[in-house]
Amino acid sequence: MTTRSYVSSVRTAAAAEKRDRVIQAATALLREEEGIVTFSLDAVAKAAGVTRLTVYHQFGSRRGLLEAVFDDIAKRGRLTRLSEAMVDVDPRRGLDRLIDIFCEFWGGDPAVGRLQDAASLDLEFAQALQQRHERRRKGLEVLVARMAHAAPPEAQREAVDLIFALTSFATFRMLIPGRSAEAVCGLIKDAATAAIGRVTRGE
């Protein structure tokens, strides 16, 4: 290994460590009650012990940082398990697993809710977040098609739209007061099952 490549590796590792530190500082800020109100590149830089310019160079903008935080939380929240739900030999069981995963994700970290709130304040971030949510819709389209393959496309689409709404953070937030996450998950599963039943019965 040459001296130059060694120095480059050290710099890359240092940059990665600094990036992770910024993301964790940003997440910690979002977990606070007024986190999204006080969230800024300056506030995150101060919390992470770096300069604002460093944060800007790493993420480009407030939106870029918010996206990075969401993706990091998604990774730590093990949304990668969705691939397991998609390939389950029993699509109904796969749907239940998908619902379990999202209920756990929505209720697992207060920062998730703050990020959803950020979408109402930042149109560009809202669009980026919606693109990520659409991946959930794509997964639902596959599972619904497997469960209701004989149903007309319009009926399948209605079922997907309904279950997409049921598995959203907005629905989770609305149902969680006074209930456990497990109870909310059960309600969503029951409603999703009813939606699939309606399609398969051709109602």
N, C-alpha and C. Protein backbone atom coordinates (compact mmCIF):
# COMPACT_ATOMS: atom_id res chain seq x y z
N MET A 1 0.84 -1.19 0.00
CA MET A 1 0.00 0.00 0.00
C MET A 1 0.88 1.25 0.00
N THR A 2 0.59 2.19 -0.90
CA THR A 2 1.37 3.41 -0.96
C THR A 2 0.93 4.36 0.14
N THR A 3 1.77 5.32 0.43
CA THR A 3 1.44 6.32 1.45
C THR A 3 0.20 7.09 1.06
N ARG A 4 0.11 7.41 -0.25
CA ARG A 4 -1.05 8.17 -0.72
C ARG A 4 -2.34 7.41 -0.51
N SER A 5 -2.40 6.12 -0.84
CA SER A 5 -3.62 5.35 -0.68
C SER A 5 -3.97 5.19 0.79
N TYR A 6 -2.92 5.08 1.63
CA TYR A 6 -3.17 4.95 3.07
C TYR A 6 -3.81 6.22 3.61
N VAL A 7 -3.26 7.37 3.22
CA VAL A 7 -3.81 8.65 3.65
C VAL A 7 -5.24 8.81 3.16
N SER A 8 -5.47 8.39 1.92
CA SER A 8 -6.81 8.47 1.35
C SER A 8 -7.79 7.62 2.15
N SER A 9 -7.37 6.41 2.54
CA SER A 9 -8.23 5.52 3.31
C SER A 9 -8.55 6.12 4.67
N VAL A 10 -7.55 6.71 5.29
CA VAL A 10 -7.75 7.35 6.59
C VAL A 10 -8.75 8.50 6.47
N ARG A 11 -8.58 9.30 5.42
CA ARG A 11 -9.50 10.43 5.22
C ARG A 11 -10.92 9.96 4.96
N THR A 12 -11.05 8.89 4.18
CA THR A 12 -12.37 8.35 3.88
C THR A 12 -13.03 7.85 5.15
N ALA A 13 -12.27 7.14 5.97
CA ALA A 13 -12.81 6.63 7.23
C ALA A 13 -13.21 7.77 8.15
N ALA A 14 -12.39 8.81 8.20
CA ALA A 14 -12.68 9.96 9.05
C ALA A 14 -13.95 10.68 8.57
N ALA A 15 -14.09 10.80 7.25
CA ALA A 15 -15.27 11.45 6.70
C ALA A 15 -16.52 10.63 7.00
N ALA A 16 -16.42 9.31 6.90
CA ALA A 16 -17.56 8.44 7.19
C ALA A 16 -17.95 8.54 8.66
N GLU A 17 -16.95 8.60 9.53
CA GLU A 17 -17.23 8.72 10.97
C GLU A 17 -17.90 10.05 11.27
N LYS A 18 -17.43 11.10 10.62
CA LYS A 18 -18.01 12.42 10.84
C LYS A 18 -19.43 12.48 10.31
N ARG A 19 -19.66 11.85 9.16
CA ARG A 19 -21.01 11.81 8.58
C ARG A 19 -21.97 11.10 9.52
N ASP A 20 -21.53 9.97 10.07
CA ASP A 20 -22.37 9.22 10.99
C ASP A 20 -22.65 10.04 12.26
N ARG A 21 -21.64 10.77 12.72
CA ARG A 21 -21.81 11.60 13.92
C ARG A 21 -22.85 12.69 13.67
N VAL A 22 -22.82 13.26 12.49
CA VAL A 22 -23.79 14.31 12.16
C VAL A 22 -25.20 13.72 12.10
N ILE A 23 -25.33 12.56 11.47
CA ILE A 23 -26.65 11.92 11.36
C ILE A 23 -27.20 11.59 12.74
N GLN A 24 -26.36 11.08 13.62
CA GLN A 24 -26.82 10.73 14.96
C GLN A 24 -27.19 11.98 15.76
N ALA A 25 -26.44 13.05 15.58
CA ALA A 25 -26.76 14.31 16.25
C ALA A 25 -28.10 14.85 15.75
N ALA A 26 -28.31 14.76 14.43
CA ALA A 26 -29.57 15.22 13.84
C ALA A 26 -30.74 14.39 14.35
N THR A 27 -30.55 13.09 14.44
CA THR A 27 -31.60 12.20 14.95
C THR A 27 -31.93 12.53 16.39
N ALA A 28 -30.91 12.77 17.20
CA ALA A 28 -31.12 13.12 18.60
C ALA A 28 -31.93 14.41 18.73
N LEU A 29 -31.64 15.39 17.88
CA LEU A 29 -32.40 16.64 17.90
C LEU A 29 -33.87 16.40 17.55
N LEU A 30 -34.09 15.54 16.57
CA LEU A 30 -35.46 15.27 16.14
C LEU A 30 -36.26 14.51 17.20
N ARG A 31 -35.59 13.80 18.07
CA ARG A 31 -36.28 13.07 19.13
C ARG A 31 -36.83 14.01 20.21
N GLU A 32 -36.31 15.23 20.26
CA GLU A 32 -36.78 16.20 21.24
C GLU A 32 -38.17 16.71 20.86
N GLU A 33 -38.91 17.14 21.84
CA GLU A 33 -40.30 17.55 21.64
C GLU A 33 -40.46 18.60 20.55
N GLU A 34 -39.59 19.60 20.56
CA GLU A 34 -39.67 20.67 19.56
C GLU A 34 -38.58 20.49 18.50
N GLY A 35 -38.17 19.26 18.30
CA GLY A 35 -37.03 18.98 17.42
C GLY A 35 -37.14 19.53 16.03
N ILE A 36 -38.28 19.36 15.38
CA ILE A 36 -38.39 19.79 14.00
C ILE A 36 -38.45 21.31 13.89
N VAL A 37 -38.93 21.96 14.94
CA VAL A 37 -39.03 23.42 14.93
C VAL A 37 -37.64 24.04 15.00
N THR A 38 -36.77 23.45 15.80
CA THR A 38 -35.43 24.01 16.00
C THR A 38 -34.39 23.36 15.08
N PHE A 39 -34.82 22.45 14.23
CA PHE A 39 -33.89 21.71 13.38
C PHE A 39 -33.30 22.62 12.30
N SER A 40 -31.99 22.67 12.24
CA SER A 40 -31.30 23.46 11.21
C SER A 40 -29.89 22.91 11.06
N LEU A 41 -29.24 23.26 9.97
CA LEU A 41 -27.85 22.82 9.77
C LEU A 41 -26.96 23.36 10.89
N ASP A 42 -27.22 24.59 11.31
CA ASP A 42 -26.41 25.18 12.39
C ASP A 42 -26.59 24.41 13.69
N ALA A 43 -27.85 24.08 14.02
CA ALA A 43 -28.12 23.37 15.27
C ALA A 43 -27.50 21.98 15.25
N VAL A 44 -27.59 21.32 14.12
CA VAL A 44 -27.02 19.98 14.00
C VAL A 44 -25.50 20.04 14.08
N ALA A 45 -24.91 21.00 13.40
CA ALA A 45 -23.45 21.15 13.42
C ALA A 45 -22.96 21.36 14.84
N LYS A 46 -23.64 22.22 15.58
CA LYS A 46 -23.25 22.49 16.96
C LYS A 46 -23.36 21.23 17.80
N ALA A 47 -24.45 20.48 17.64
CA ALA A 47 -24.65 19.26 18.42
C ALA A 47 -23.62 18.19 18.07
N ALA A 48 -23.19 18.16 16.80
CA ALA A 48 -22.23 17.15 16.35
C ALA A 48 -20.79 17.56 16.59
N GLY A 49 -20.58 18.82 16.96
CA GLY A 49 -19.23 19.30 17.19
C GLY A 49 -18.43 19.51 15.91
N VAL A 50 -19.15 19.92 14.85
CA VAL A 50 -18.48 20.20 13.57
C VAL A 50 -18.96 21.56 13.08
N THR A 51 -18.39 22.02 11.98
CA THR A 51 -18.81 23.30 11.42
C THR A 51 -20.04 23.12 10.52
N ARG A 52 -20.75 24.21 10.31
CA ARG A 52 -21.90 24.17 9.41
C ARG A 52 -21.45 23.81 8.01
N LEU A 53 -20.27 24.28 7.62
CA LEU A 53 -19.74 23.99 6.29
C LEU A 53 -19.52 22.49 6.12
N THR A 54 -19.09 21.82 7.18
CA THR A 54 -18.90 20.37 7.12
C THR A 54 -20.22 19.67 6.85
N VAL A 55 -21.26 20.09 7.56
CA VAL A 55 -22.59 19.49 7.36
C VAL A 55 -23.06 19.74 5.94
N TYR A 56 -22.84 20.96 5.45
CA TYR A 56 -23.26 21.31 4.09
C TYR A 56 -22.52 20.48 3.06
N HIS A 57 -21.22 20.30 3.25
CA HIS A 57 -20.43 19.51 2.30
C HIS A 57 -20.87 18.05 2.29
N GLN A 58 -21.28 17.55 3.44
CA GLN A 58 -21.69 16.14 3.55
C GLN A 58 -23.07 15.89 2.96
N PHE A 59 -23.99 16.85 3.16
CA PHE A 59 -25.39 16.59 2.81
C PHE A 59 -26.00 17.58 1.83
N GLY A 60 -25.35 18.69 1.60
CA GLY A 60 -25.81 19.63 0.59
C GLY A 60 -26.90 20.58 1.00
N SER A 61 -27.81 20.13 1.88
CA SER A 61 -28.94 20.98 2.27
C SER A 61 -29.64 20.35 3.47
N ARG A 62 -30.56 21.09 4.02
CA ARG A 62 -31.40 20.58 5.12
C ARG A 62 -32.16 19.35 4.65
N ARG A 63 -32.70 19.44 3.42
CA ARG A 63 -33.43 18.29 2.88
C ARG A 63 -32.52 17.07 2.77
N GLY A 64 -31.31 17.26 2.26
CA GLY A 64 -30.38 16.14 2.13
C GLY A 64 -30.08 15.49 3.46
N LEU A 65 -29.95 16.30 4.49
CA LEU A 65 -29.69 15.77 5.83
C LEU A 65 -30.91 15.01 6.35
N LEU A 66 -32.09 15.57 6.16
CA LEU A 66 -33.31 14.89 6.60
C LEU A 66 -33.47 13.54 5.90
N GLU A 67 -33.18 13.50 4.61
CA GLU A 67 -33.26 12.24 3.88
C GLU A 67 -32.28 11.22 4.44
N ALA A 68 -31.07 11.68 4.73
CA ALA A 68 -30.05 10.78 5.27
C ALA A 68 -30.47 10.24 6.63
N VAL A 69 -31.09 11.09 7.44
CA VAL A 69 -31.57 10.65 8.76
C VAL A 69 -32.67 9.60 8.60
N PHE A 70 -33.61 9.86 7.69
CA PHE A 70 -34.70 8.90 7.48
C PHE A 70 -34.14 7.55 7.02
N ASP A 71 -33.22 7.59 6.07
CA ASP A 71 -32.65 6.35 5.55
C ASP A 71 -31.87 5.59 6.63
N ASP A 72 -31.18 6.34 7.50
CA ASP A 72 -30.44 5.70 8.58
C ASP A 72 -31.39 5.05 9.58
N ILE A 73 -32.47 5.74 9.92
CA ILE A 73 -33.45 5.18 10.84
C ILE A 73 -34.11 3.95 10.21
N ALA A 74 -34.38 4.03 8.91
CA ALA A 74 -34.98 2.89 8.22
C ALA A 74 -34.05 1.68 8.27
N LYS A 75 -32.77 1.93 8.09
CA LYS A 75 -31.80 0.83 8.14
C LYS A 75 -31.72 0.24 9.54
N ARG A 76 -31.63 1.13 10.54
CA ARG A 76 -31.56 0.66 11.93
C ARG A 76 -32.88 0.02 12.36
N GLY A 77 -33.98 0.47 11.75
CA GLY A 77 -35.29 -0.11 12.04
C GLY A 77 -35.55 -1.39 11.27
N ARG A 78 -34.55 -1.83 10.53
CA ARG A 78 -34.57 -3.11 9.82
C ARG A 78 -35.70 -3.21 8.81
N LEU A 79 -35.91 -2.12 8.07
CA LEU A 79 -36.88 -2.19 6.98
C LEU A 79 -36.40 -3.11 5.86
N THR A 80 -35.14 -3.49 5.92
CA THR A 80 -34.62 -4.45 4.94
C THR A 80 -35.33 -5.79 5.05
N ARG A 81 -36.00 -6.03 6.18
CA ARG A 81 -36.75 -7.28 6.34
C ARG A 81 -37.94 -7.36 5.40
N LEU A 82 -38.29 -6.25 4.78
CA LEU A 82 -39.43 -6.26 3.86
C LEU A 82 -39.22 -7.24 2.72
N SER A 83 -37.97 -7.43 2.32
CA SER A 83 -37.70 -8.38 1.23
C SER A 83 -38.12 -9.79 1.64
N GLU A 84 -38.01 -10.10 2.92
CA GLU A 84 -38.44 -11.42 3.41
C GLU A 84 -39.95 -11.57 3.31
N ALA A 85 -40.66 -10.49 3.63
CA ALA A 85 -42.12 -10.53 3.54
C ALA A 85 -42.56 -10.71 2.09
N MET A 86 -41.84 -10.07 1.17
CA MET A 86 -42.23 -10.11 -0.23
C MET A 86 -42.08 -11.50 -0.84
N VAL A 87 -41.12 -12.28 -0.36
CA VAL A 87 -40.87 -13.59 -0.96
C VAL A 87 -41.50 -14.73 -0.17
N ASP A 88 -42.27 -14.39 0.87
CA ASP A 88 -42.94 -15.45 1.64
C ASP A 88 -43.84 -16.26 0.70
N VAL A 89 -43.79 -17.58 0.83
CA VAL A 89 -44.60 -18.44 -0.06
C VAL A 89 -46.09 -18.20 0.14
N ASP A 90 -46.46 -17.71 1.32
CA ASP A 90 -47.87 -17.39 1.60
C ASP A 90 -48.02 -15.87 1.58
N PRO A 91 -48.62 -15.30 0.54
CA PRO A 91 -48.71 -13.83 0.44
C PRO A 91 -49.52 -13.19 1.57
N ARG A 92 -50.49 -13.92 2.11
CA ARG A 92 -51.24 -13.37 3.25
C ARG A 92 -50.34 -13.24 4.47
N ARG A 93 -49.52 -14.24 4.68
CA ARG A 93 -48.56 -14.16 5.78
C ARG A 93 -47.53 -13.08 5.50
N GLY A 94 -47.16 -12.94 4.21
CA GLY A 94 -46.23 -11.88 3.83
C GLY A 94 -46.80 -10.50 4.14
N LEU A 95 -48.10 -10.32 3.89
CA LEU A 95 -48.74 -9.04 4.18
C LEU A 95 -48.74 -8.77 5.68
N ASP A 96 -49.03 -9.79 6.47
CA ASP A 96 -48.99 -9.64 7.92
C ASP A 96 -47.59 -9.24 8.39
N ARG A 97 -46.59 -9.84 7.79
CA ARG A 97 -45.21 -9.51 8.16
C ARG A 97 -44.88 -8.07 7.78
N LEU A 98 -45.35 -7.64 6.62
CA LEU A 98 -45.12 -6.26 6.20
C LEU A 98 -45.77 -5.29 7.19
N ILE A 99 -46.98 -5.60 7.62
CA ILE A 99 -47.67 -4.74 8.58
C ILE A 99 -46.93 -4.72 9.91
N ASP A 100 -46.47 -5.89 10.36
CA ASP A 100 -45.69 -5.96 11.60
C ASP A 100 -44.46 -5.07 11.52
N ILE A 101 -43.76 -5.15 10.39
CA ILE A 101 -42.51 -4.40 10.21
C ILE A 101 -42.78 -2.90 10.28
N PHE A 102 -43.83 -2.44 9.61
CA PHE A 102 -44.10 -1.01 9.61
C PHE A 102 -44.66 -0.52 10.94
N CYS A 103 -45.46 -1.33 11.61
CA CYS A 103 -45.93 -0.93 12.94
C CYS A 103 -44.74 -0.77 13.89
N GLU A 104 -43.81 -1.69 13.81
CA GLU A 104 -42.61 -1.61 14.64
C GLU A 104 -41.79 -0.39 14.28
N PHE A 105 -41.69 -0.10 12.99
CA PHE A 105 -40.90 1.04 12.53
C PHE A 105 -41.55 2.35 12.95
N TRP A 106 -42.85 2.50 12.70
CA TRP A 106 -43.54 3.75 13.03
C TRP A 106 -43.49 4.03 14.53
N GLY A 107 -43.55 2.99 15.34
CA GLY A 107 -43.58 3.20 16.78
C GLY A 107 -42.25 3.08 17.47
N GLY A 108 -41.19 2.83 16.71
CA GLY A 108 -39.91 2.51 17.33
C GLY A 108 -39.04 3.69 17.71
N ASP A 109 -39.18 4.81 17.01
CA ASP A 109 -38.27 5.93 17.26
C ASP A 109 -39.06 7.23 17.10
N PRO A 110 -39.09 8.07 18.13
CA PRO A 110 -39.83 9.34 18.04
C PRO A 110 -39.39 10.20 16.87
N ALA A 111 -38.15 10.04 16.42
CA ALA A 111 -37.65 10.84 15.31
C ALA A 111 -38.42 10.57 14.03
N VAL A 112 -39.00 9.38 13.91
CA VAL A 112 -39.77 9.05 12.71
C VAL A 112 -40.95 10.00 12.58
N GLY A 113 -41.64 10.23 13.67
CA GLY A 113 -42.77 11.16 13.65
C GLY A 113 -42.35 12.57 13.32
N ARG A 114 -41.21 13.00 13.85
CA ARG A 114 -40.72 14.35 13.57
C ARG A 114 -40.40 14.50 12.07
N LEU A 115 -39.88 13.43 11.48
CA LEU A 115 -39.57 13.48 10.05
C LEU A 115 -40.84 13.58 9.22
N GLN A 116 -41.89 12.89 9.65
CA GLN A 116 -43.17 13.02 8.96
C GLN A 116 -43.69 14.45 9.07
N ASP A 117 -43.52 15.04 10.25
CA ASP A 117 -43.96 16.42 10.44
C ASP A 117 -43.15 17.37 9.56
N ALA A 118 -41.87 17.04 9.36
CA ALA A 118 -41.01 17.90 8.54
C ALA A 118 -41.55 18.01 7.12
N ALA A 119 -42.24 16.98 6.67
CA ALA A 119 -42.76 16.98 5.30
C ALA A 119 -43.78 18.09 5.09
N SER A 120 -44.46 18.49 6.17
CA SER A 120 -45.45 19.57 6.04
C SER A 120 -44.79 20.94 5.98
N LEU A 121 -43.50 21.01 6.32
CA LEU A 121 -42.79 22.28 6.33
C LEU A 121 -41.83 22.43 5.16
N ASP A 122 -41.54 21.32 4.50
CA ASP A 122 -40.52 21.32 3.44
C ASP A 122 -41.04 20.53 2.26
N LEU A 123 -41.47 21.22 1.21
CA LEU A 123 -42.08 20.56 0.06
C LEU A 123 -41.13 19.58 -0.61
N GLU A 124 -39.87 19.97 -0.76
CA GLU A 124 -38.91 19.08 -1.42
C GLU A 124 -38.68 17.82 -0.61
N PHE A 125 -38.60 17.97 0.71
CA PHE A 125 -38.43 16.79 1.56
C PHE A 125 -39.70 15.93 1.51
N ALA A 126 -40.86 16.56 1.46
CA ALA A 126 -42.11 15.81 1.36
C ALA A 126 -42.12 14.94 0.11
N GLN A 127 -41.62 15.49 -0.99
CA GLN A 127 -41.56 14.74 -2.24
C GLN A 127 -40.58 13.57 -2.13
N ALA A 128 -39.44 13.81 -1.49
CA ALA A 128 -38.45 12.75 -1.30
C ALA A 128 -39.00 11.65 -0.40
N LEU A 129 -39.73 12.05 0.64
CA LEU A 129 -40.31 11.08 1.55
C LEU A 129 -41.40 10.27 0.85
N GLN A 130 -42.18 10.94 0.00
CA GLN A 130 -43.23 10.25 -0.73
C GLN A 130 -42.65 9.20 -1.67
N GLN A 131 -41.50 9.50 -2.26
CA GLN A 131 -40.85 8.52 -3.13
C GLN A 131 -40.49 7.26 -2.34
N ARG A 132 -40.06 7.42 -1.11
CA ARG A 132 -39.73 6.28 -0.26
C ARG A 132 -40.98 5.52 0.12
N HIS A 133 -42.07 6.26 0.40
CA HIS A 133 -43.33 5.60 0.75
C HIS A 133 -43.87 4.79 -0.44
N GLU A 134 -43.61 5.27 -1.64
CA GLU A 134 -44.11 4.57 -2.82
C GLU A 134 -43.51 3.17 -2.95
N ARG A 135 -42.36 2.96 -2.34
CA ARG A 135 -41.78 1.61 -2.35
C ARG A 135 -42.69 0.65 -1.59
N ARG A 136 -43.32 1.17 -0.54
CA ARG A 136 -44.28 0.34 0.20
C ARG A 136 -45.47 0.01 -0.68
N ARG A 137 -45.93 0.98 -1.45
CA ARG A 137 -47.05 0.72 -2.36
C ARG A 137 -46.68 -0.36 -3.38
N LYS A 138 -45.45 -0.29 -3.92
CA LYS A 138 -45.02 -1.28 -4.90
C LYS A 138 -45.04 -2.68 -4.30
N GLY A 139 -44.60 -2.78 -3.05
CA GLY A 139 -44.62 -4.08 -2.39
C GLY A 139 -46.04 -4.58 -2.19
N LEU A 140 -46.93 -3.67 -1.83
CA LEU A 140 -48.33 -4.05 -1.65
C LEU A 140 -48.96 -4.49 -2.97
N GLU A 141 -48.58 -3.85 -4.04
CA GLU A 141 -49.12 -4.24 -5.35
C GLU A 141 -48.77 -5.69 -5.67
N VAL A 142 -47.54 -6.07 -5.35
CA VAL A 142 -47.11 -7.44 -5.61
C VAL A 142 -47.89 -8.43 -4.74
N LEU A 143 -48.01 -8.13 -3.45
CA LEU A 143 -48.69 -9.05 -2.54
C LEU A 143 -50.18 -9.15 -2.87
N VAL A 144 -50.81 -8.02 -3.16
CA VAL A 144 -52.25 -8.06 -3.49
C VAL A 144 -52.48 -8.82 -4.78
N ALA A 145 -51.61 -8.63 -5.76
CA ALA A 145 -51.75 -9.36 -7.03
C ALA A 145 -51.63 -10.86 -6.81
N ARG A 146 -50.77 -11.27 -5.89
CA ARG A 146 -50.61 -12.69 -5.60
C ARG A 146 -51.84 -13.26 -4.88
N MET A 147 -52.45 -12.42 -4.03
CA MET A 147 -53.60 -12.90 -3.27
C MET A 147 -54.91 -12.81 -4.05
N ALA A 148 -55.00 -11.84 -4.95
CA ALA A 148 -56.26 -11.60 -5.66
C ALA A 148 -56.01 -11.53 -7.16
N HIS A 149 -55.25 -12.49 -7.67
CA HIS A 149 -54.85 -12.47 -9.08
C HIS A 149 -56.03 -12.55 -10.03
N ALA A 150 -57.16 -13.12 -9.56
CA ALA A 150 -58.33 -13.26 -10.43
C ALA A 150 -59.20 -12.00 -10.44
N ALA A 151 -58.93 -11.09 -9.54
CA ALA A 151 -59.75 -9.88 -9.44
C ALA A 151 -59.35 -8.89 -10.53
N PRO A 152 -60.28 -8.05 -10.97
CA PRO A 152 -59.97 -7.02 -11.98
C PRO A 152 -58.89 -6.07 -11.47
N PRO A 153 -58.09 -5.51 -12.37
CA PRO A 153 -57.03 -4.57 -11.96
C PRO A 153 -57.55 -3.40 -11.12
N GLU A 154 -58.76 -2.93 -11.46
CA GLU A 154 -59.32 -1.80 -10.70
C GLU A 154 -59.56 -2.18 -9.25
N ALA A 155 -60.07 -3.39 -9.04
CA ALA A 155 -60.34 -3.86 -7.68
C ALA A 155 -59.03 -4.06 -6.91
N GLN A 156 -58.02 -4.58 -7.58
CA GLN A 156 -56.72 -4.74 -6.94
C GLN A 156 -56.15 -3.39 -6.55
N ARG A 157 -56.29 -2.42 -7.42
CA ARG A 157 -55.75 -1.08 -7.16
C ARG A 157 -56.45 -0.46 -5.95
N GLU A 158 -57.76 -0.66 -5.83
CA GLU A 158 -58.49 -0.12 -4.69
C GLU A 158 -58.00 -0.75 -3.39
N ALA A 159 -57.76 -2.06 -3.43
CA ALA A 159 -57.27 -2.75 -2.24
C ALA A 159 -55.88 -2.24 -1.86
N VAL A 160 -55.03 -2.04 -2.86
CA VAL A 160 -53.68 -1.52 -2.61
C VAL A 160 -53.75 -0.13 -2.00
N ASP A 161 -54.61 0.73 -2.56
CA ASP A 161 -54.74 2.10 -2.04
C ASP A 161 -55.18 2.09 -0.59
N LEU A 162 -56.13 1.23 -0.27
CA LEU A 162 -56.65 1.16 1.09
C LEU A 162 -55.59 0.65 2.06
N ILE A 163 -54.90 -0.42 1.68
CA ILE A 163 -53.89 -0.98 2.58
C ILE A 163 -52.68 -0.05 2.69
N PHE A 164 -52.39 0.67 1.61
CA PHE A 164 -51.32 1.67 1.65
C PHE A 164 -51.64 2.73 2.70
N ALA A 165 -52.89 3.17 2.74
CA ALA A 165 -53.32 4.15 3.74
C ALA A 165 -53.28 3.55 5.14
N LEU A 166 -53.70 2.32 5.25
CA LEU A 166 -53.73 1.65 6.56
C LEU A 166 -52.34 1.48 7.15
N THR A 167 -51.34 1.27 6.30
CA THR A 167 -49.98 1.02 6.78
C THR A 167 -49.14 2.29 6.85
N SER A 168 -49.78 3.44 6.73
CA SER A 168 -49.06 4.72 6.78
C SER A 168 -48.80 5.15 8.23
N PHE A 169 -47.86 6.06 8.38
CA PHE A 169 -47.60 6.61 9.71
C PHE A 169 -48.80 7.39 10.21
N ALA A 170 -49.49 8.09 9.32
CA ALA A 170 -50.66 8.88 9.72
C ALA A 170 -51.71 8.01 10.40
N THR A 171 -51.96 6.84 9.82
CA THR A 171 -52.94 5.92 10.43
C THR A 171 -52.43 5.41 11.76
N PHE A 172 -51.15 5.05 11.81
CA PHE A 172 -50.56 4.56 13.06
C PHE A 172 -50.68 5.62 14.15
N ARG A 173 -50.35 6.86 13.82
CA ARG A 173 -50.41 7.95 14.80
C ARG A 173 -51.84 8.18 15.27
N MET A 174 -52.80 8.05 14.39
CA MET A 174 -54.19 8.29 14.75
C MET A 174 -54.73 7.19 15.69
N LEU A 175 -54.25 5.96 15.49
CA LEU A 175 -54.77 4.83 16.27
C LEU A 175 -54.04 4.58 17.57
N ILE A 176 -52.80 5.06 17.70
CA ILE A 176 -51.97 4.68 18.85
C ILE A 176 -52.43 5.24 20.19
N PRO A 177 -53.06 6.42 20.28
CA PRO A 177 -53.47 6.91 21.60
C PRO A 177 -54.38 5.93 22.32
N GLY A 178 -53.98 5.53 23.52
CA GLY A 178 -54.80 4.60 24.30
C GLY A 178 -54.64 3.14 23.93
N ARG A 179 -53.77 2.87 22.96
CA ARG A 179 -53.56 1.48 22.53
C ARG A 179 -52.06 1.16 22.52
N SER A 180 -51.75 -0.11 22.61
CA SER A 180 -50.38 -0.56 22.43
C SER A 180 -50.10 -0.67 20.94
N ALA A 181 -48.81 -0.70 20.58
CA ALA A 181 -48.45 -0.87 19.18
C ALA A 181 -48.98 -2.20 18.65
N GLU A 182 -48.98 -3.22 19.51
CA GLU A 182 -49.48 -4.53 19.10
C GLU A 182 -50.98 -4.47 18.79
N ALA A 183 -51.72 -3.71 19.61
CA ALA A 183 -53.15 -3.59 19.37
C ALA A 183 -53.42 -2.85 18.07
N VAL A 184 -52.66 -1.80 17.81
CA VAL A 184 -52.81 -1.05 16.56
C VAL A 184 -52.51 -1.96 15.37
N CYS A 185 -51.46 -2.74 15.51
CA CYS A 185 -51.07 -3.65 14.44
C CYS A 185 -52.20 -4.65 14.16
N GLY A 186 -52.84 -5.14 15.22
CA GLY A 186 -53.95 -6.07 15.05
C GLY A 186 -55.11 -5.43 14.31
N LEU A 187 -55.42 -4.17 14.63
CA LEU A 187 -56.50 -3.47 13.94
C LEU A 187 -56.19 -3.31 12.46
N ILE A 188 -54.96 -2.96 12.16
CA ILE A 188 -54.57 -2.76 10.77
C ILE A 188 -54.62 -4.08 10.00
N LYS A 189 -54.16 -5.16 10.63
CA LYS A 189 -54.21 -6.47 9.98
C LYS A 189 -55.65 -6.87 9.69
N ASP A 190 -56.54 -6.65 10.65
CA ASP A 190 -57.95 -7.00 10.45
C ASP A 190 -58.54 -6.21 9.29
N ALA A 191 -58.24 -4.92 9.23
CA ALA A 191 -58.78 -4.08 8.16
C ALA A 191 -58.19 -4.49 6.81
N ALA A 192 -56.90 -4.83 6.79
CA ALA A 192 -56.26 -5.25 5.55
C ALA A 192 -56.85 -6.57 5.06
N THR A 193 -57.10 -7.48 6.00
CA THR A 193 -57.72 -8.77 5.65
C THR A 193 -59.10 -8.55 5.06
N ALA A 194 -59.85 -7.62 5.66
CA ALA A 194 -61.19 -7.32 5.14
C ALA A 194 -61.11 -6.74 3.73
N ALA A 195 -60.11 -5.89 3.49
CA ALA A 195 -59.94 -5.30 2.16
C ALA A 195 -59.63 -6.38 1.13
N ILE A 196 -58.77 -7.31 1.48
CA ILE A 196 -58.43 -8.40 0.56
C ILE A 196 -59.64 -9.30 0.35
N GLY A 197 -60.38 -9.59 1.43
CA GLY A 197 -61.56 -10.43 1.32
C GLY A 197 -62.59 -9.83 0.38
N ARG A 198 -62.76 -8.52 0.46
CA ARG A 198 -63.72 -7.82 -0.40
C ARG A 198 -63.34 -7.98 -1.87
N VAL A 199 -62.06 -7.91 -2.16
CA VAL A 199 -61.60 -8.05 -3.54
C VAL A 199 -61.75 -9.48 -4.03
N THR A 200 -61.35 -10.43 -3.22
CA THR A 200 -61.39 -11.83 -3.64
C THR A 200 -62.82 -12.33 -3.78
N ARG A 201 -63.75 -11.71 -3.03
CA ARG A 201 -65.16 -12.12 -3.15
C ARG A 201 -65.86 -11.38 -4.28
N GLY A 202 -65.18 -10.40 -4.86
CA GLY A 202 -65.73 -9.65 -5.98
C GLY A 202 -66.85 -8.71 -5.59
N GLU A 203 -66.77 -8.17 -4.35
CA GLU A 203 -67.82 -7.25 -3.89
C GLU A 203 -67.62 -5.86 -4.48
